[in-house]
Amino acid sequence: MRLAKYVNSERRRVTGPLMRIGRAAAAWDRIACSGKQWERAVDALREHASAIAAPISLSIYPWDIVTEMERRLDNPQAMLLVVPNGKVKLLNALPFAPADLRHESLADAWQAYRDAWRATEVREFVTKCRANPTLLRHANETWPIQGITLTPVK
């Protein structure tokens, strides 16, 4: 009863392509759908959204993770991603961690984050991911970036 009430009151559904990071990266060959399968899933979601009596907003994220990384090279997110060990990452799918909030100030970490997005090392890695998406297996790692040095907080 409660489930039916919840489903009938749904107003928004948000989805997007499966991202090749974390556990999905480890099982990619077994769980990934083809482009054609994804198109069929999107069509089915749109059909469902238009068929139900209540209006539903369907938001489908347009990019896969490699496209997301490519777009972020020129337009990074205006927020820091801090992982549990205090390191600041550029993006969930990228292994680069230009700062560590256990040792650097927030202002210094923010500047390091901004500088890191312009680093050749990051740009080259993102470019390589298009031809070799298995590089995304490093997403949960936290690599330093050459040439970015910070002054530790005292």
C-alpha atoms as a PDB file:
ATOM      1  CA  MET A   1       0.000   0.000   0.000  1.00  0.00           C
ATOM      2  CA  ARG A   2       2.695   2.489   0.965  1.00  0.00           C
ATOM      3  CA  LEU A   3       4.815   1.521  -2.034  1.00  0.00           C
ATOM      4  CA  ALA A   4       1.918   2.036  -4.433  1.00  0.00           C
ATOM      5  CA  LYS A   5       1.208   5.420  -2.883  1.00  0.00           C
ATOM      6  CA  TYR A   6       4.880   6.403  -3.238  1.00  0.00           C
ATOM      7  CA  VAL A   7       5.088   5.245  -6.853  1.00  0.00           C
ATOM      8  CA  ASN A   8       1.894   7.072  -7.772  1.00  0.00           C
ATOM      9  CA  SER A   9       3.157  10.282  -6.175  1.00  0.00           C
ATOM     10  CA  GLU A  10       6.504  10.218  -7.964  1.00  0.00           C
ATOM     11  CA  ARG A  11       7.192  13.516  -9.703  1.00  0.00           C
ATOM     12  CA  ARG A  12      10.741  13.165 -10.964  1.00  0.00           C
ATOM     13  CA  ARG A  13      12.990  10.407 -12.218  1.00  0.00           C
ATOM     14  CA  VAL A  14      16.687  11.108 -12.726  1.00  0.00           C
ATOM     15  CA  THR A  15      19.029   8.678 -14.464  1.00  0.00           C
ATOM     16  CA  GLY A  16      21.996   8.508 -16.775  1.00  0.00           C
ATOM     17  CA  PRO A  17      24.456   6.109 -18.369  1.00  0.00           C
ATOM     18  CA  LEU A  18      26.213   3.615 -16.104  1.00  0.00           C
ATOM     19  CA  MET A  19      29.561   5.064 -15.080  1.00  0.00           C
ATOM     20  CA  ARG A  20      32.648   2.903 -15.415  1.00  0.00           C
ATOM     21  CA  ILE A  21      33.957   3.596 -11.910  1.00  0.00           C
ATOM     22  CA  GLY A  22      34.093   1.766  -8.590  1.00  0.00           C
ATOM     23  CA  ARG A  23      32.443  -1.646  -8.518  1.00  0.00           C
ATOM     24  CA  ALA A  24      30.933  -1.080 -11.951  1.00  0.00           C
ATOM     25  CA  ALA A  25      34.440  -0.757 -13.426  1.00  0.00           C
ATOM     26  CA  ALA A  26      35.475  -4.075 -11.891  1.00  0.00           C
ATOM     27  CA  ALA A  27      32.464  -5.862 -13.415  1.00  0.00           C
ATOM     28  CA  TRP A  28      32.171  -3.781 -16.593  1.00  0.00           C
ATOM     29  CA  ASP A  29      32.331  -6.633 -19.112  1.00  0.00           C
ATOM     30  CA  ARG A  30      29.507  -8.386 -17.279  1.00  0.00           C
ATOM     31  CA  ILE A  31      27.134  -5.492 -16.533  1.00  0.00           C
ATOM     32  CA  ALA A  32      27.635  -2.739 -19.131  1.00  0.00           C
ATOM     33  CA  CYS A  33      24.931  -2.231 -21.703  1.00  0.00           C
ATOM     34  CA  SER A  34      25.584  -1.359 -25.318  1.00  0.00           C
ATOM     35  CA  GLY A  35      24.664   2.018 -26.770  1.00  0.00           C
ATOM     36  CA  LYS A  36      21.658   0.411 -28.423  1.00  0.00           C
ATOM     37  CA  GLN A  37      20.510  -1.128 -25.125  1.00  0.00           C
ATOM     38  CA  TRP A  38      20.839   2.255 -23.397  1.00  0.00           C
ATOM     39  CA  GLU A  39      18.759   3.923 -26.137  1.00  0.00           C
ATOM     40  CA  ARG A  40      16.029   1.289 -25.637  1.00  0.00           C
ATOM     41  CA  ALA A  41      16.082   1.900 -21.868  1.00  0.00           C
ATOM     42  CA  VAL A  42      15.726   5.666 -22.401  1.00  0.00           C
ATOM     43  CA  ASP A  43      12.840   5.090 -24.823  1.00  0.00           C
ATOM     44  CA  ALA A  44      11.139   2.815 -22.281  1.00  0.00           C
ATOM     45  CA  LEU A  45      11.537   5.422 -19.520  1.00  0.00           C
ATOM     46  CA  ARG A  46      10.080   8.144 -21.738  1.00  0.00           C
ATOM     47  CA  GLU A  47       7.196   5.886 -22.709  1.00  0.00           C
ATOM     48  CA  HIS A  48       6.479   5.095 -19.058  1.00  0.00           C
ATOM     49  CA  ALA A  49       6.644   8.779 -18.090  1.00  0.00           C
ATOM     50  CA  SER A  50       4.145   9.747 -20.769  1.00  0.00           C
ATOM     51  CA  ALA A  51       1.802   6.813 -20.052  1.00  0.00           C
ATOM     52  CA  ILE A  52       1.150   7.415 -16.347  1.00  0.00           C
ATOM     53  CA  ALA A  53      -1.690   9.651 -15.256  1.00  0.00           C
ATOM     54  CA  ALA A  54       0.373  11.920 -12.996  1.00  0.00           C
ATOM     55  CA  PRO A  55       2.867  14.249 -14.636  1.00  0.00           C
ATOM     56  CA  ILE A  56       6.448  13.107 -14.173  1.00  0.00           C
ATOM     57  CA  SER A  57       9.617  14.991 -14.945  1.00  0.00           C
ATOM     58  CA  LEU A  58      12.163  12.748 -16.614  1.00  0.00           C
ATOM     59  CA  SER A  59      15.767  13.948 -16.348  1.00  0.00           C
ATOM     60  CA  ILE A  60      18.301  11.873 -18.266  1.00  0.00           C
ATOM     61  CA  TYR A  61      21.927  12.889 -17.859  1.00  0.00           C
ATOM     62  CA  PRO A  62      23.337  13.130 -21.377  1.00  0.00           C
ATOM     63  CA  TRP A  63      27.000  12.179 -20.878  1.00  0.00           C
ATOM     64  CA  ASP A  64      28.955   9.083 -20.043  1.00  0.00           C
ATOM     65  CA  ILE A  65      31.799   9.520 -17.555  1.00  0.00           C
ATOM     66  CA  VAL A  66      34.515  10.032 -20.187  1.00  0.00           C
ATOM     67  CA  THR A  67      32.513  12.828 -21.814  1.00  0.00           C
ATOM     68  CA  GLU A  68      31.920  14.296 -18.351  1.00  0.00           C
ATOM     69  CA  MET A  69      35.675  14.356 -17.706  1.00  0.00           C
ATOM     70  CA  GLU A  70      36.369  15.928 -21.102  1.00  0.00           C
ATOM     71  CA  ARG A  71      33.780  18.656 -20.467  1.00  0.00           C
ATOM     72  CA  ARG A  72      35.150  19.331 -16.987  1.00  0.00           C
ATOM     73  CA  LEU A  73      38.623  20.055 -18.374  1.00  0.00           C
ATOM     74  CA  ASP A  74      37.296  23.361 -19.701  1.00  0.00           C
ATOM     75  CA  ASN A  75      34.570  23.899 -17.117  1.00  0.00           C
ATOM     76  CA  PRO A  76      35.376  22.299 -13.742  1.00  0.00           C
ATOM     77  CA  GLN A  77      32.764  21.968 -11.051  1.00  0.00           C
ATOM     78  CA  ALA A  78      32.739  24.844  -8.582  1.00  0.00           C
ATOM     79  CA  MET A  79      32.989  22.551  -5.576  1.00  0.00           C
ATOM     80  CA  LEU A  80      35.556  20.371  -3.879  1.00  0.00           C
ATOM     81  CA  LEU A  81      35.136  16.616  -3.665  1.00  0.00           C
ATOM     82  CA  VAL A  82      36.627  15.581  -0.329  1.00  0.00           C
ATOM     83  CA  VAL A  83      37.026  11.851   0.227  1.00  0.00           C
ATOM     84  CA  PRO A  84      37.007  10.290   3.719  1.00  0.00           C
ATOM     85  CA  ASN A  85      40.794  10.407   4.076  1.00  0.00           C
ATOM     86  CA  GLY A  86      40.739  14.211   3.676  1.00  0.00           C
ATOM     87  CA  LYS A  87      42.125  14.287   0.154  1.00  0.00           C
ATOM     88  CA  VAL A  88      40.541  16.628  -2.388  1.00  0.00           C
ATOM     89  CA  LYS A  89      39.807  14.940  -5.713  1.00  0.00           C
ATOM     90  CA  LEU A  90      39.045  16.590  -9.036  1.00  0.00           C
ATOM     91  CA  LEU A  91      36.136  14.315  -9.945  1.00  0.00           C
ATOM     92  CA  ASN A  92      34.866  10.956  -8.738  1.00  0.00           C
ATOM     93  CA  ALA A  93      36.231   9.211 -11.851  1.00  0.00           C
ATOM     94  CA  LEU A  94      39.674  10.799 -11.768  1.00  0.00           C
ATOM     95  CA  PRO A  95      42.427   9.497  -9.502  1.00  0.00           C
ATOM     96  CA  PHE A  96      44.053  12.896  -8.979  1.00  0.00           C
ATOM     97  CA  ALA A  97      44.065  14.479  -5.519  1.00  0.00           C
ATOM     98  CA  PRO A  98      45.779  17.869  -5.601  1.00  0.00           C
ATOM     99  CA  ALA A  99      45.264  18.674  -1.917  1.00  0.00           C
ATOM    100  CA  ASP A 100      44.720  17.173   1.520  1.00  0.00           C
ATOM    101  CA  LEU A 101      42.529  19.081   3.975  1.00  0.00           C
ATOM    102  CA  ARG A 102      44.234  17.352   6.891  1.00  0.00           C
ATOM    103  CA  HIS A 103      47.345  19.361   6.022  1.00  0.00           C
ATOM    104  CA  GLU A 104      46.319  22.316   3.838  1.00  0.00           C
ATOM    105  CA  SER A 105      43.928  25.194   4.370  1.00  0.00           C
ATOM    106  CA  LEU A 106      40.662  25.315   2.470  1.00  0.00           C
ATOM    107  CA  ALA A 107      41.898  28.350   0.500  1.00  0.00           C
ATOM    108  CA  ASP A 108      45.090  26.531  -0.519  1.00  0.00           C
ATOM    109  CA  ALA A 109      43.149  23.373  -1.397  1.00  0.00           C
ATOM    110  CA  TRP A 110      40.781  25.409  -3.567  1.00  0.00           C
ATOM    111  CA  GLN A 111      43.683  26.988  -5.440  1.00  0.00           C
ATOM    112  CA  ALA A 112      45.361  23.589  -5.898  1.00  0.00           C
ATOM    113  CA  TYR A 113      42.072  22.185  -7.242  1.00  0.00           C
ATOM    114  CA  ARG A 114      41.831  25.027  -9.752  1.00  0.00           C
ATOM    115  CA  ASP A 115      45.479  24.645 -10.798  1.00  0.00           C
ATOM    116  CA  ALA A 116      45.147  20.872 -11.141  1.00  0.00           C
ATOM    117  CA  TRP A 117      42.414  21.127 -13.751  1.00  0.00           C
ATOM    118  CA  ARG A 118      44.938  22.976 -15.951  1.00  0.00           C
ATOM    119  CA  ALA A 119      47.756  20.474 -15.365  1.00  0.00           C
ATOM    120  CA  THR A 120      49.107  18.679 -18.421  1.00  0.00           C
ATOM    121  CA  GLU A 121      49.105  15.409 -16.474  1.00  0.00           C
ATOM    122  CA  VAL A 122      45.338  15.623 -15.896  1.00  0.00           C
ATOM    123  CA  ARG A 123      44.557  16.652 -19.482  1.00  0.00           C
ATOM    124  CA  GLU A 124      46.658  13.789 -20.869  1.00  0.00           C
ATOM    125  CA  PHE A 125      45.013  11.242 -18.567  1.00  0.00           C
ATOM    126  CA  VAL A 126      41.516  12.361 -19.580  1.00  0.00           C
ATOM    127  CA  THR A 127      42.476  12.226 -23.269  1.00  0.00           C
ATOM    128  CA  LYS A 128      43.848   8.696 -22.841  1.00  0.00           C
ATOM    129  CA  CYS A 129      40.600   7.555 -21.204  1.00  0.00           C
ATOM    130  CA  ARG A 130      38.662   8.052 -24.450  1.00  0.00           C
ATOM    131  CA  ALA A 131      40.814   5.413 -26.212  1.00  0.00           C
ATOM    132  CA  ASN A 132      41.437   3.318 -23.099  1.00  0.00           C
ATOM    133  CA  PRO A 133      38.493   3.510 -20.661  1.00  0.00           C
ATOM    134  CA  THR A 134      40.038   0.762 -18.527  1.00  0.00           C
ATOM    135  CA  LEU A 135      42.118   3.592 -17.016  1.00  0.00           C
ATOM    136  CA  LEU A 136      38.967   4.423 -15.050  1.00  0.00           C
ATOM    137  CA  ARG A 137      39.851   1.473 -12.803  1.00  0.00           C
ATOM    138  CA  HIS A 138      42.026   4.020 -10.950  1.00  0.00           C
ATOM    139  CA  ALA A 139      39.012   6.159  -9.986  1.00  0.00           C
ATOM    140  CA  ASN A 140      39.145   5.247  -6.299  1.00  0.00           C
ATOM    141  CA  GLU A 141      42.824   6.085  -6.014  1.00  0.00           C
ATOM    142  CA  THR A 142      44.287   9.425  -4.950  1.00  0.00           C
ATOM    143  CA  TRP A 143      47.351  10.401  -6.967  1.00  0.00           C
ATOM    144  CA  PRO A 144      49.374  13.560  -6.383  1.00  0.00           C
ATOM    145  CA  ILE A 145      49.831  15.909  -9.333  1.00  0.00           C
ATOM    146  CA  GLN A 146      53.311  16.844 -10.449  1.00  0.00           C
ATOM    147  CA  GLY A 147      54.132  20.532 -10.061  1.00  0.00           C
ATOM    148  CA  ILE A 148      51.421  21.327  -7.504  1.00  0.00           C
ATOM    149  CA  THR A 149      52.935  22.051  -4.122  1.00  0.00           C
ATOM    150  CA  LEU A 150      51.146  23.378  -1.092  1.00  0.00           C
ATOM    151  CA  THR A 151      52.172  24.964   2.159  1.00  0.00           C
ATOM    152  CA  PRO A 152      51.019  22.812   5.083  1.00  0.00           C
ATOM    153  CA  VAL A 153      48.757  24.444   7.676  1.00  0.00           C
ATOM    154  CA  LYS A 154      50.607  25.019  10.947  1.00  0.00           C
END
